[in-house]
Amino acid sequence: MASLSRPQKDLHESLEAQASRFSANVATSNTYAVHRAIICPRSEFFAAACRNAFREDAEGRISLPDDEPAIVDMMVQYFYRLDYRQSPEPEDDPSVTDQKQKSNGGAHSLLLHAKVYTLAEKYAIGGLKDLALSKFKTAAAQAWDTADFLNAATEAYTSTVDSDRGMRDAAIEAFAKHKDLLSRNDVKTAIEGLGSFAFDLLMYFHRKGRIWDV
């Protein structure tokens, strides 16, 4: 058998570990009927939530009131497809045409990938973190000169702990590759509000021996 990627291994191990378990309902503003055999082995949070839900609620409902519904939807997509896509927007939204013209992983996706990464960290879903980070890096290479890129960097630096370097390092690397961004006033303002971002960027240039070229 060909070697499996981490997400594929997650799926196989989930099915094998708890194949006899039943389903649960994950609820935000939407409700998803999910299989405990899929979600519980991947996350101790969901394993504990399933145990508590079935003790306290005959429907086995797991409520996630603090999480953005669209991002939870992407998490559920990942559980079953080992991938996720942005939910479709209304066709009469004038922004839709502009977004469809962007390549896969365009500007609007940057913040979404950062939020998916944050959610995956919250619920300890390692494969989803890896996937979101990979998608972010691909998108950033195409759409770094956008306001959404700044929003994604802000998400990385305000919604993850200091020791979680994945998304933070990806944002720093993207900035370093396009240092002309640093001449923009909106970028300067954003960086001023991002705590250790400026220090991290300086250390990145130092490690690369480029500190005097900035």
Protein backbone atom coordinates (compact mmCIF):
# COMPACT_ATOMS: atom_id res chain seq x y z
CA MET A 1 0.00 0.00 0.00
CA ALA A 2 1.28 3.46 -0.85
CA SER A 3 2.27 5.57 2.13
CA LEU A 4 -0.58 7.63 3.52
CA SER A 5 -0.53 11.32 4.24
CA ARG A 6 -1.18 12.45 7.80
CA PRO A 7 -4.83 13.35 7.10
CA GLN A 8 -5.42 9.96 5.44
CA LYS A 9 -3.85 8.17 8.40
CA ASP A 10 -6.13 10.17 10.70
CA LEU A 11 -9.19 8.94 8.83
CA HIS A 12 -8.12 5.29 8.77
CA GLU A 13 -7.20 5.30 12.45
CA SER A 14 -10.47 6.99 13.37
CA LEU A 15 -12.54 4.35 11.61
CA GLU A 16 -10.56 1.45 13.05
CA ALA A 17 -10.45 2.77 16.61
CA GLN A 18 -14.16 3.32 17.16
CA ALA A 19 -16.00 1.68 14.31
CA SER A 20 -18.85 0.57 16.57
CA ARG A 21 -19.65 4.01 18.00
CA PHE A 22 -22.74 5.98 17.07
CA SER A 23 -23.26 9.55 15.97
CA ALA A 24 -23.38 12.95 17.63
CA ASN A 25 -24.71 16.35 16.67
CA VAL A 26 -22.30 19.27 16.40
CA ALA A 27 -24.24 22.52 16.61
CA THR A 28 -23.45 26.16 15.89
CA SER A 29 -26.14 28.04 13.98
CA ASN A 30 -26.12 24.87 11.86
CA THR A 31 -26.35 21.30 13.12
CA TYR A 32 -24.17 18.49 11.74
CA ALA A 33 -24.82 14.80 12.33
CA VAL A 34 -21.29 13.47 12.68
CA HIS A 35 -19.90 10.05 13.51
CA ARG A 36 -18.20 9.67 16.85
CA ALA A 37 -15.86 7.14 15.26
CA ILE A 38 -14.60 9.92 13.00
CA ILE A 39 -14.26 12.86 15.38
CA CYS A 40 -13.44 11.39 18.79
CA PRO A 41 -10.09 9.69 18.06
CA ARG A 42 -8.78 12.89 16.50
CA SER A 43 -9.53 15.23 19.36
CA GLU A 44 -9.68 14.70 23.11
CA PHE A 45 -12.00 17.69 23.24
CA PHE A 46 -14.56 15.95 21.05
CA ALA A 47 -14.02 12.63 22.83
CA ALA A 48 -14.84 14.29 26.16
CA ALA A 49 -17.64 16.31 24.60
CA CYS A 50 -19.24 13.16 23.20
CA ARG A 51 -19.11 11.47 26.59
CA ASN A 52 -20.68 14.47 28.29
CA ALA A 53 -23.22 15.04 25.53
CA PHE A 54 -24.58 11.52 25.75
CA ARG A 55 -24.82 11.74 29.54
CA GLU A 56 -26.60 15.08 29.51
CA ASP A 57 -28.52 15.17 26.22
CA ALA A 58 -30.43 12.31 24.61
CA GLU A 59 -29.68 13.81 21.20
CA GLY A 60 -25.95 13.84 21.88
CA ARG A 61 -25.66 17.52 21.04
CA ILE A 62 -22.25 19.22 21.19
CA SER A 63 -22.66 22.99 21.11
CA LEU A 64 -19.90 25.26 19.83
CA PRO A 65 -21.49 28.68 20.41
CA ASP A 66 -18.23 30.63 20.42
CA ASP A 67 -16.99 29.39 17.05
CA GLU A 68 -17.68 30.94 13.66
CA PRO A 69 -20.19 28.70 11.83
CA ALA A 70 -18.42 28.94 8.46
CA ILE A 71 -15.14 27.79 10.02
CA VAL A 72 -16.84 24.93 11.87
CA ASP A 73 -18.32 23.90 8.52
CA MET A 74 -14.80 23.65 7.10
CA MET A 75 -13.73 21.54 10.06
CA VAL A 76 -16.61 19.12 9.44
CA GLN A 77 -15.72 19.01 5.74
CA TYR A 78 -12.20 18.01 6.71
CA PHE A 79 -13.42 15.20 8.96
CA TYR A 80 -15.12 13.51 6.02
CA ARG A 81 -13.24 14.71 2.93
CA LEU A 82 -9.73 15.31 4.30
CA ASP A 83 -10.05 18.71 2.65
CA TYR A 84 -12.22 21.80 2.93
CA ARG A 85 -13.56 24.50 0.66
CA GLN A 86 -15.00 27.92 1.24
CA SER A 87 -18.79 27.89 1.54
CA PRO A 88 -20.46 29.39 -1.56
CA GLU A 89 -21.65 32.98 -1.34
CA PRO A 90 -24.87 34.34 -2.87
CA GLU A 91 -24.53 34.85 -6.61
CA ASP A 92 -25.91 38.39 -6.42
CA ASP A 93 -23.15 39.49 -4.07
CA PRO A 94 -20.92 41.78 -6.18
CA SER A 95 -17.86 40.52 -4.36
CA VAL A 96 -18.47 36.97 -5.58
CA THR A 97 -17.48 37.73 -9.16
CA ASP A 98 -14.27 39.32 -7.99
CA GLN A 99 -13.47 36.38 -5.74
CA LYS A 100 -14.19 33.84 -8.46
CA GLN A 101 -11.72 35.59 -10.69
CA LYS A 102 -8.98 34.94 -8.19
CA SER A 103 -7.11 31.66 -8.43
CA ASN A 104 -7.77 28.91 -5.91
CA GLY A 105 -6.51 30.10 -2.55
CA GLY A 106 -6.91 33.77 -3.41
CA ALA A 107 -7.09 36.80 -1.18
CA HIS A 108 -10.37 36.03 0.59
CA SER A 109 -9.07 32.57 1.52
CA LEU A 110 -6.09 33.83 3.52
CA LEU A 111 -8.06 34.84 6.59
CA LEU A 112 -10.22 31.73 6.33
CA HIS A 113 -7.17 29.45 6.37
CA ALA A 114 -5.79 31.32 9.37
CA LYS A 115 -9.10 30.88 11.18
CA VAL A 116 -9.27 27.18 10.30
CA TYR A 117 -5.75 26.81 11.68
CA THR A 118 -6.81 28.52 14.91
CA LEU A 119 -9.87 26.27 15.25
CA ALA A 120 -7.79 23.16 14.56
CA GLU A 121 -5.37 24.21 17.30
CA LYS A 122 -8.25 24.81 19.70
CA TYR A 123 -9.58 21.29 19.19
CA ALA A 124 -6.17 19.63 18.69
CA ILE A 125 -6.83 18.38 15.15
CA GLY A 126 -3.27 18.07 13.88
CA GLY A 127 -4.03 17.05 10.32
CA LEU A 128 -6.36 20.01 9.85
CA LYS A 129 -3.71 22.37 11.20
CA ASP A 130 -1.23 21.02 8.67
CA LEU A 131 -3.73 21.37 5.84
CA ALA A 132 -4.75 24.93 6.76
CA LEU A 133 -1.11 25.98 7.01
CA SER A 134 -0.32 24.48 3.61
CA LYS A 135 -3.30 26.21 2.03
CA PHE A 136 -2.33 29.50 3.64
CA LYS A 137 1.21 29.32 2.27
CA THR A 138 -0.09 28.60 -1.23
CA ALA A 139 -2.59 31.45 -1.04
CA ALA A 140 -0.06 33.91 0.40
CA ALA A 141 2.27 33.32 -2.54
CA GLN A 142 -0.49 34.55 -4.86
CA ALA A 143 -2.33 37.16 -2.80
CA TRP A 144 0.19 38.73 -0.44
CA ASP A 145 -0.54 42.30 -1.58
CA THR A 146 -4.06 42.43 -0.13
CA ALA A 147 -5.82 43.72 2.96
CA ASP A 148 -6.92 40.16 3.68
CA PHE A 149 -3.28 39.18 4.09
CA LEU A 150 -2.95 41.72 6.90
CA ASN A 151 -6.13 40.36 8.47
CA ALA A 152 -4.72 36.84 8.31
CA ALA A 153 -1.45 37.94 9.92
CA THR A 154 -3.47 39.63 12.66
CA GLU A 155 -5.44 36.41 13.21
CA ALA A 156 -2.20 34.45 13.47
CA TYR A 157 -0.73 36.80 16.06
CA THR A 158 -3.84 37.41 18.15
CA SER A 159 -5.50 33.98 18.17
CA THR A 160 -2.57 31.61 18.67
CA VAL A 161 -0.23 31.18 21.63
CA ASP A 162 3.35 32.41 21.33
CA SER A 163 4.73 28.87 21.24
CA ASP A 164 2.59 27.89 18.24
CA ARG A 165 4.86 29.08 15.45
CA GLY A 166 3.27 27.49 12.38
CA MET A 167 0.98 30.23 11.09
CA ARG A 168 3.06 33.01 12.61
CA ASP A 169 6.19 31.85 10.82
CA ALA A 170 4.27 31.54 7.55
CA ALA A 171 3.09 35.15 7.87
CA ILE A 172 6.61 36.35 8.71
CA GLU A 173 8.09 34.50 5.75
CA ALA A 174 5.53 36.00 3.38
CA PHE A 175 6.31 39.49 4.65
CA ALA A 176 10.04 38.89 4.31
CA LYS A 177 9.66 37.79 0.70
CA HIS A 178 7.77 40.97 -0.12
CA LYS A 179 9.49 43.61 1.99
CA ASP A 180 7.96 46.41 -0.11
CA LEU A 181 4.91 45.83 2.07
CA LEU A 182 6.77 47.55 4.88
CA SER A 183 6.57 50.89 3.07
CA ARG A 184 2.76 50.90 3.20
CA ASN A 185 1.06 52.91 5.93
CA ASP A 186 -1.66 50.32 6.53
CA VAL A 187 0.99 47.65 7.00
CA LYS A 188 2.94 49.83 9.44
CA THR A 189 -0.21 50.46 11.44
CA ALA A 190 -1.06 46.76 11.52
CA ILE A 191 2.44 45.75 12.62
CA GLU A 192 2.39 48.28 15.47
CA GLY A 193 -0.61 46.45 16.91
CA LEU A 194 0.77 42.93 16.56
CA GLY A 195 3.03 42.72 19.58
CA SER A 196 6.04 40.53 18.79
CA PHE A 197 5.54 40.60 15.01
CA ALA A 198 8.16 43.30 14.38
CA PHE A 199 10.69 41.47 16.57
CA ASP A 200 9.98 38.16 14.82
CA LEU A 201 10.43 39.79 11.42
CA LEU A 202 13.73 41.35 12.50
CA MET A 203 14.97 37.99 13.79
CA TYR A 204 13.94 36.33 10.52
CA PHE A 205 16.08 38.77 8.54
CA HIS A 206 18.92 38.28 11.03
CA ARG A 207 18.85 34.49 10.64
CA LYS A 208 18.86 34.84 6.88
CA GLY A 209 21.78 37.28 6.99
CA ARG A 210 19.64 39.97 5.38
CA ILE A 211 19.24 42.36 8.26
CA TRP A 212 21.19 45.15 6.55
CA ASP A 213 19.30 44.71 3.29
CA VAL A 214 15.90 45.57 4.71
